[in-house]
Amino acid sequence: MRKVTIWSEEFGAETDAPILLIMGSMSQGVLWPDELVGRLTAGGRRVVRYDHRDTGMSGTVDFAAEPYTWDDIKDDVYRVMDAHGLASAHLVGHSAGGLLGQFAAVERPERVRSLTVIASSPLGGGEGEVLVRALTGQPQPEGALPEPAPEFVAYYRGLMAAPPPPDRRALIDGMIAEQRVLHGTGLPFDEDAARRLQERIHDRARDLAAAGNHRLAAMAKPGFEPVDALHRVKAPTLVIEGDHEPVKPGHGAVIAERIPGARLMIVPGMGHTLPPEVHEELAAAILAHTAE
C-alpha cells in the first residue's frame, strides 16, 4: 500500500503539553471548532488536529485498487504524533475518534498521557451492529448498547432512499440537514453558522465523496475493535456526553463503567456536535483533565 498524505496543523507553543484531537468517521479535523481549539491553546496546550485519510485536505485513494481497514485509520493516529515529534500526547477523541483513542490507550499505553472521549461508544461494544439493526428495523438483542434516537433513525432511513443531490447548493443543504439532526434538540440550531461550516468542509475537500471509503474500510475488516479490553486502559480517562445525544445515547456511561477510574461528565443541552454554547465548559474540563 502506498503512503497516504495526512493533513494536520498545530497551535500553541512546542513546550506546552500536547493534545491530539481525533475527529470521527468521515470527518475533517476542522470540525474541532476554532474557538474550542483557541481556548485550549490559551490554557497552555499545544493542540494538533488533522484530517483523516480520504477526508478534507488529506490524501485520497481509489479504494478498489488500494483498500485499507480501520486498523490503518487507527495507525494514522500514531503517524500524526510521529510527524509532530510527539512520543506521547493527551488524546481527545470525538465519536469514532473516541473509539480510536480508546484503542490507542489499550494498544500503546506509553503514547497516551490521558484520554478524553466525547460522544463516543465503548471499544468493542458493537455500536456498528446496533446502528445497522436500528436502521433496518431489527430488534436489538439483550445487553446491546442503547440505540439512536428515533429522529436520527428516521432521518438516515430517508437519506438512504433519497437521490443524490444535483449540485453544490443541494449538497450543502443536505449537509446542514444532517448537522441539524446530529445537533439534537437541547440547544438552538444556528443555521447560518452551520452553512458557513459546511461550505468550508465542502470547499476544502479534495474529494468529498472519498470519505465514504471509511464505510468500505469498516466492511473490509468488521470487528476490528478488541472486545473486553477497556479494563486494560491505564490512562486517566474523562468521558463526556451531552444529555441530548441522538446517536449514542447512554454509551458514555458504559465507557466510564468499563475503564477503571474513568469519570463521566454530562453536558446539558449538547447533542452529537460541538456548538459554541458548550465550548467554555468543554475546554475547562479538558484543560483540568490534561493538567500536568
Protein backbone atom coordinates (compact mmCIF):
# COMPACT_ATOMS: atom_id res chain seq x y z
CA MET A 1 0.00 0.00 0.00
CA ARG A 2 1.34 3.40 -0.92
CA LYS A 3 1.84 6.08 1.68
CA VAL A 4 -1.14 8.31 2.40
CA THR A 5 -0.62 12.01 2.99
CA ILE A 6 -2.28 13.25 6.17
CA TRP A 7 -3.02 16.97 6.56
CA SER A 8 -2.52 18.34 10.06
CA GLU A 9 -1.91 21.61 11.84
CA GLU A 10 -0.84 22.58 15.32
CA PHE A 11 -1.38 25.54 17.62
CA GLY A 12 0.37 26.76 20.74
CA ALA A 13 3.93 26.54 21.99
CA GLU A 14 6.03 23.43 21.41
CA THR A 15 6.90 23.42 25.10
CA ASP A 16 3.25 23.12 26.15
CA ALA A 17 1.60 19.80 26.97
CA PRO A 18 0.38 18.27 23.68
CA ILE A 19 -3.24 17.44 22.90
CA LEU A 20 -4.10 15.42 19.80
CA LEU A 21 -7.68 15.96 18.62
CA ILE A 22 -9.15 12.96 16.77
CA MET A 23 -12.40 13.57 14.89
CA GLY A 24 -14.99 10.94 13.99
CA SER A 25 -15.53 8.77 10.95
CA MET A 26 -15.62 10.51 7.55
CA SER A 27 -14.96 13.83 9.30
CA GLN A 28 -12.44 16.59 8.77
CA GLY A 29 -10.28 17.95 11.55
CA VAL A 30 -11.83 21.39 11.21
CA LEU A 31 -14.96 20.02 12.85
CA TRP A 32 -12.97 20.69 16.01
CA PRO A 33 -14.15 24.32 16.31
CA ASP A 34 -11.53 27.04 16.05
CA GLU A 35 -12.98 28.65 19.19
CA LEU A 36 -12.55 25.46 21.21
CA VAL A 37 -9.01 24.99 19.91
CA GLY A 38 -8.27 28.62 20.84
CA ARG A 39 -9.47 28.09 24.40
CA LEU A 40 -7.22 25.05 24.75
CA THR A 41 -4.15 26.86 23.43
CA ALA A 42 -4.90 29.88 25.62
CA GLY A 43 -4.93 27.44 28.53
CA GLY A 44 -1.35 26.42 27.79
CA ARG A 45 -1.72 23.43 25.48
CA ARG A 46 -0.07 22.52 22.21
CA VAL A 47 -3.00 21.36 20.10
CA VAL A 48 -2.85 19.22 16.95
CA ARG A 49 -5.82 18.43 14.74
CA TYR A 50 -5.83 16.54 11.45
CA ASP A 51 -7.95 15.33 8.56
CA HIS A 52 -8.41 11.57 8.42
CA ARG A 53 -7.28 9.89 5.23
CA ASP A 54 -9.86 10.35 2.47
CA THR A 55 -11.25 13.49 4.11
CA GLY A 56 -10.52 17.18 3.75
CA MET A 57 -7.05 18.03 2.55
CA SER A 58 -5.56 14.62 3.32
CA GLY A 59 -4.77 12.22 0.51
CA THR A 60 -7.49 10.19 -1.19
CA VAL A 61 -7.30 6.75 -2.76
CA ASP A 62 -9.08 4.53 -5.24
CA PHE A 63 -10.34 2.07 -2.64
CA ALA A 64 -10.81 -0.76 -5.12
CA ALA A 65 -7.15 -0.51 -6.14
CA GLU A 66 -5.74 0.42 -2.72
CA PRO A 67 -8.04 -0.87 0.03
CA TYR A 68 -7.41 -0.27 3.70
CA THR A 69 -9.07 -1.04 7.02
CA TRP A 70 -9.83 0.80 10.23
CA ASP A 71 -6.57 -0.59 11.58
CA ASP A 72 -4.86 1.75 9.12
CA ILE A 73 -7.03 4.69 10.23
CA LYS A 74 -6.10 3.87 13.82
CA ASP A 75 -2.40 3.69 12.95
CA ASP A 76 -2.70 7.17 11.40
CA VAL A 77 -3.06 8.43 14.99
CA TYR A 78 0.49 7.30 15.69
CA ARG A 79 1.73 8.61 12.33
CA VAL A 80 0.41 12.09 13.09
CA MET A 81 2.02 12.01 16.52
CA ASP A 82 5.32 10.91 14.97
CA ALA A 83 5.14 13.68 12.36
CA HIS A 84 4.77 16.27 15.12
CA GLY A 85 7.55 14.72 17.20
CA LEU A 86 5.23 13.52 19.96
CA ALA A 87 6.32 10.42 21.82
CA SER A 88 3.07 10.72 23.76
CA ALA A 89 0.11 13.07 23.96
CA HIS A 90 -3.22 13.68 25.62
CA LEU A 91 -5.76 12.14 23.24
CA VAL A 92 -9.16 13.79 22.82
CA GLY A 93 -11.50 11.88 20.51
CA HIS A 94 -15.00 12.63 19.25
CA SER A 95 -17.41 9.88 18.16
CA ALA A 96 -15.37 7.29 16.19
CA GLY A 97 -12.32 9.36 17.14
CA GLY A 98 -13.12 8.38 20.71
CA LEU A 99 -13.02 4.73 19.67
CA LEU A 100 -9.60 5.30 18.11
CA GLY A 101 -8.41 6.96 21.31
CA GLN A 102 -9.65 4.03 23.38
CA PHE A 103 -7.92 1.59 21.02
CA ALA A 104 -4.64 3.52 21.28
CA ALA A 105 -4.88 3.59 25.07
CA VAL A 106 -5.26 -0.20 25.08
CA GLU A 107 -2.68 -0.95 22.39
CA ARG A 108 0.01 1.69 23.03
CA PRO A 109 -0.44 2.94 26.62
CA GLU A 110 3.00 4.54 26.62
CA ARG A 111 1.80 7.00 23.97
CA VAL A 112 -1.34 8.14 25.80
CA ARG A 113 -0.88 10.60 28.68
CA SER A 114 -4.61 10.91 29.24
CA LEU A 115 -7.77 10.08 27.33
CA THR A 116 -10.85 12.22 26.79
CA VAL A 117 -13.75 10.55 24.96
CA ILE A 118 -16.61 12.72 23.67
CA ALA A 119 -19.92 11.48 22.21
CA SER A 120 -18.49 8.04 21.62
CA SER A 121 -19.19 4.35 22.16
CA PRO A 122 -17.23 1.73 24.09
CA LEU A 123 -14.44 -0.02 22.23
CA GLY A 124 -15.60 -3.47 21.15
CA GLY A 125 -19.16 -2.73 22.21
CA GLY A 126 -20.84 -3.46 18.88
CA GLU A 127 -22.04 0.09 18.17
CA GLY A 128 -22.00 -0.54 14.42
CA GLU A 129 -24.26 -3.56 14.73
CA VAL A 130 -26.66 -1.58 16.93
CA LEU A 131 -26.88 1.14 14.28
CA VAL A 132 -27.48 -1.32 11.44
CA ARG A 133 -30.24 -3.08 13.37
CA ALA A 134 -31.87 0.25 14.21
CA LEU A 135 -31.81 1.44 10.59
CA THR A 136 -33.17 -1.87 9.28
CA GLY A 137 -35.83 -2.26 11.98
CA GLN A 138 -34.34 -5.38 13.55
CA PRO A 139 -34.78 -5.98 17.28
CA GLN A 140 -31.79 -5.34 19.50
CA PRO A 141 -30.51 -8.34 21.46
CA GLU A 142 -30.46 -8.31 25.23
CA GLY A 143 -27.44 -6.42 26.56
CA ALA A 144 -26.91 -4.37 23.38
CA LEU A 145 -25.95 -0.72 23.61
CA PRO A 146 -28.81 1.81 23.56
CA GLU A 147 -29.91 2.54 20.01
CA PRO A 148 -30.02 6.00 18.40
CA ALA A 149 -32.85 8.43 18.95
CA PRO A 150 -35.93 7.91 16.72
CA GLU A 151 -35.38 11.19 14.86
CA PHE A 152 -31.84 10.10 13.96
CA VAL A 153 -33.06 6.73 12.68
CA ALA A 154 -35.87 8.35 10.67
CA TYR A 155 -33.51 10.85 9.07
CA TYR A 156 -30.98 8.26 7.92
CA ARG A 157 -33.65 5.90 6.64
CA GLY A 158 -34.90 8.75 4.48
CA LEU A 159 -31.37 9.63 3.40
CA MET A 160 -30.70 6.10 2.21
CA ALA A 161 -33.74 6.28 -0.09
CA ALA A 162 -33.09 9.80 -1.41
CA PRO A 163 -31.49 10.55 -4.80
CA PRO A 164 -28.04 12.16 -4.79
CA PRO A 165 -28.05 15.98 -4.64
CA PRO A 166 -27.76 17.53 -8.10
CA ASP A 167 -25.44 20.46 -7.29
CA ARG A 168 -23.25 22.16 -4.69
CA ARG A 169 -26.10 24.08 -3.09
CA ALA A 170 -28.26 20.99 -2.69
CA LEU A 171 -25.31 19.02 -1.32
CA ILE A 172 -24.53 21.67 1.28
CA ASP A 173 -28.22 21.91 2.19
CA GLY A 174 -28.14 18.17 2.85
CA MET A 175 -25.03 18.51 4.98
CA ILE A 176 -26.76 21.21 7.04
CA ALA A 177 -29.81 18.99 7.48
CA GLU A 178 -27.58 16.21 8.77
CA GLN A 179 -25.83 18.62 11.14
CA ARG A 180 -29.22 19.73 12.47
CA VAL A 181 -30.14 16.12 13.35
CA LEU A 182 -26.76 15.49 14.97
CA HIS A 183 -27.04 18.76 16.90
CA GLY A 184 -30.04 17.43 18.81
CA THR A 185 -32.84 19.41 20.37
CA GLY A 186 -31.24 20.70 23.54
CA LEU A 187 -29.79 23.95 22.16
CA PRO A 188 -30.87 26.37 19.41
CA PHE A 189 -29.55 25.45 15.97
CA ASP A 190 -27.69 28.27 14.20
CA GLU A 191 -28.34 27.59 10.51
CA ASP A 192 -26.14 30.47 9.30
CA ALA A 193 -23.17 29.15 11.28
CA ALA A 194 -23.93 25.64 10.05
CA ARG A 195 -23.88 26.84 6.44
CA ARG A 196 -20.51 28.54 6.92
CA LEU A 197 -19.09 25.35 8.43
CA GLN A 198 -20.45 23.03 5.76
CA GLU A 199 -19.30 25.33 2.95
CA ARG A 200 -15.84 25.26 4.48
CA ILE A 201 -15.92 21.46 4.70
CA HIS A 202 -17.18 21.17 1.12
CA ASP A 203 -14.68 23.57 -0.38
CA ARG A 204 -11.55 22.31 1.36
CA ALA A 205 -12.15 18.66 0.49
CA ARG A 206 -10.01 17.17 -2.23
CA ASP A 207 -12.81 14.70 -2.95
CA LEU A 208 -15.87 14.91 -0.71
CA ALA A 209 -17.14 11.51 -1.83
CA ALA A 210 -13.89 9.79 -0.81
CA ALA A 211 -14.96 9.95 2.84
CA GLY A 212 -17.31 7.08 2.03
CA ASN A 213 -14.23 4.87 1.86
CA HIS A 214 -14.36 4.79 5.66
CA ARG A 215 -17.51 2.65 5.38
CA LEU A 216 -15.74 0.35 2.92
CA ALA A 217 -12.81 0.11 5.34
CA ALA A 218 -15.19 -0.98 8.10
CA MET A 219 -16.69 -3.67 5.85
CA ALA A 220 -13.22 -4.81 4.76
CA LYS A 221 -12.45 -5.87 8.32
CA PRO A 222 -15.55 -5.97 10.51
CA GLY A 223 -15.00 -6.31 14.22
CA PHE A 224 -11.54 -4.74 14.14
CA GLU A 225 -12.01 -3.47 17.69
CA PRO A 226 -10.75 -5.67 20.53
CA VAL A 227 -13.53 -6.91 22.83
CA ASP A 228 -13.41 -6.78 26.64
CA ALA A 229 -10.23 -4.72 26.54
CA LEU A 230 -11.20 -1.45 28.24
CA HIS A 231 -10.15 -2.74 31.66
CA ARG A 232 -6.60 -2.52 30.30
CA VAL A 233 -6.75 1.28 29.88
CA LYS A 234 -4.27 2.86 32.30
CA ALA A 235 -4.54 6.47 31.13
CA PRO A 236 -6.66 8.81 33.24
CA THR A 237 -9.94 8.94 31.34
CA LEU A 238 -12.68 11.55 31.09
CA VAL A 239 -15.88 10.57 29.27
CA ILE A 240 -18.13 13.40 28.03
CA GLU A 241 -21.66 13.03 26.69
CA GLY A 242 -24.45 15.50 26.05
CA ASP A 243 -27.82 14.92 27.64
CA HIS A 244 -29.40 15.34 24.18
CA GLU A 245 -27.08 12.88 22.39
CA PRO A 246 -29.06 11.49 19.41
CA VAL A 247 -26.56 8.96 18.03
CA LYS A 248 -25.02 7.16 21.00
CA PRO A 249 -27.28 8.00 23.96
CA GLY A 250 -26.09 6.44 27.19
CA HIS A 251 -22.93 4.99 25.65
CA GLY A 252 -20.73 7.30 27.72
CA ALA A 253 -21.88 5.67 30.94
CA VAL A 254 -20.90 2.26 29.56
CA ILE A 255 -17.41 3.52 28.68
CA ALA A 256 -16.94 5.08 32.11
CA GLU A 257 -18.07 1.86 33.78
CA ARG A 258 -15.61 -0.29 31.84
CA ILE A 259 -12.48 1.88 32.19
CA PRO A 260 -11.01 1.77 35.70
CA GLY A 261 -11.24 5.14 37.41
CA ALA A 262 -12.89 6.89 34.47
CA ARG A 263 -15.08 9.94 35.16
CA LEU A 264 -18.34 10.68 33.35
CA MET A 265 -19.36 14.27 32.57
CA ILE A 266 -22.83 15.06 31.23
CA VAL A 267 -23.13 18.36 29.34
CA PRO A 268 -26.62 19.94 29.46
CA GLY A 269 -28.11 20.65 26.04
CA MET A 270 -25.30 19.10 23.99
CA GLY A 271 -26.09 16.62 21.25
CA HIS A 272 -23.54 14.99 18.95
CA THR A 273 -21.93 18.24 17.77
CA LEU A 274 -19.72 20.83 19.46
CA PRO A 275 -21.69 24.12 19.37
CA PRO A 276 -20.38 27.41 20.82
CA GLU A 277 -22.60 27.16 23.89
CA VAL A 278 -20.52 24.24 25.24
CA HIS A 279 -17.00 25.39 24.31
CA GLU A 280 -16.23 27.04 27.65
CA GLU A 281 -17.40 24.01 29.63
CA LEU A 282 -15.61 21.52 27.40
CA ALA A 283 -12.36 23.49 27.35
CA ALA A 284 -12.35 23.88 31.14
CA ALA A 285 -12.90 20.16 31.61
CA ILE A 286 -10.22 19.15 29.08
CA LEU A 287 -7.70 21.63 30.49
CA ALA A 288 -8.29 20.32 34.02
CA HIS A 289 -8.01 16.71 32.85
CA THR A 290 -4.78 17.32 30.93
CA ALA A 291 -3.04 19.38 33.62
CA GLU A 292 0.41 18.00 34.34
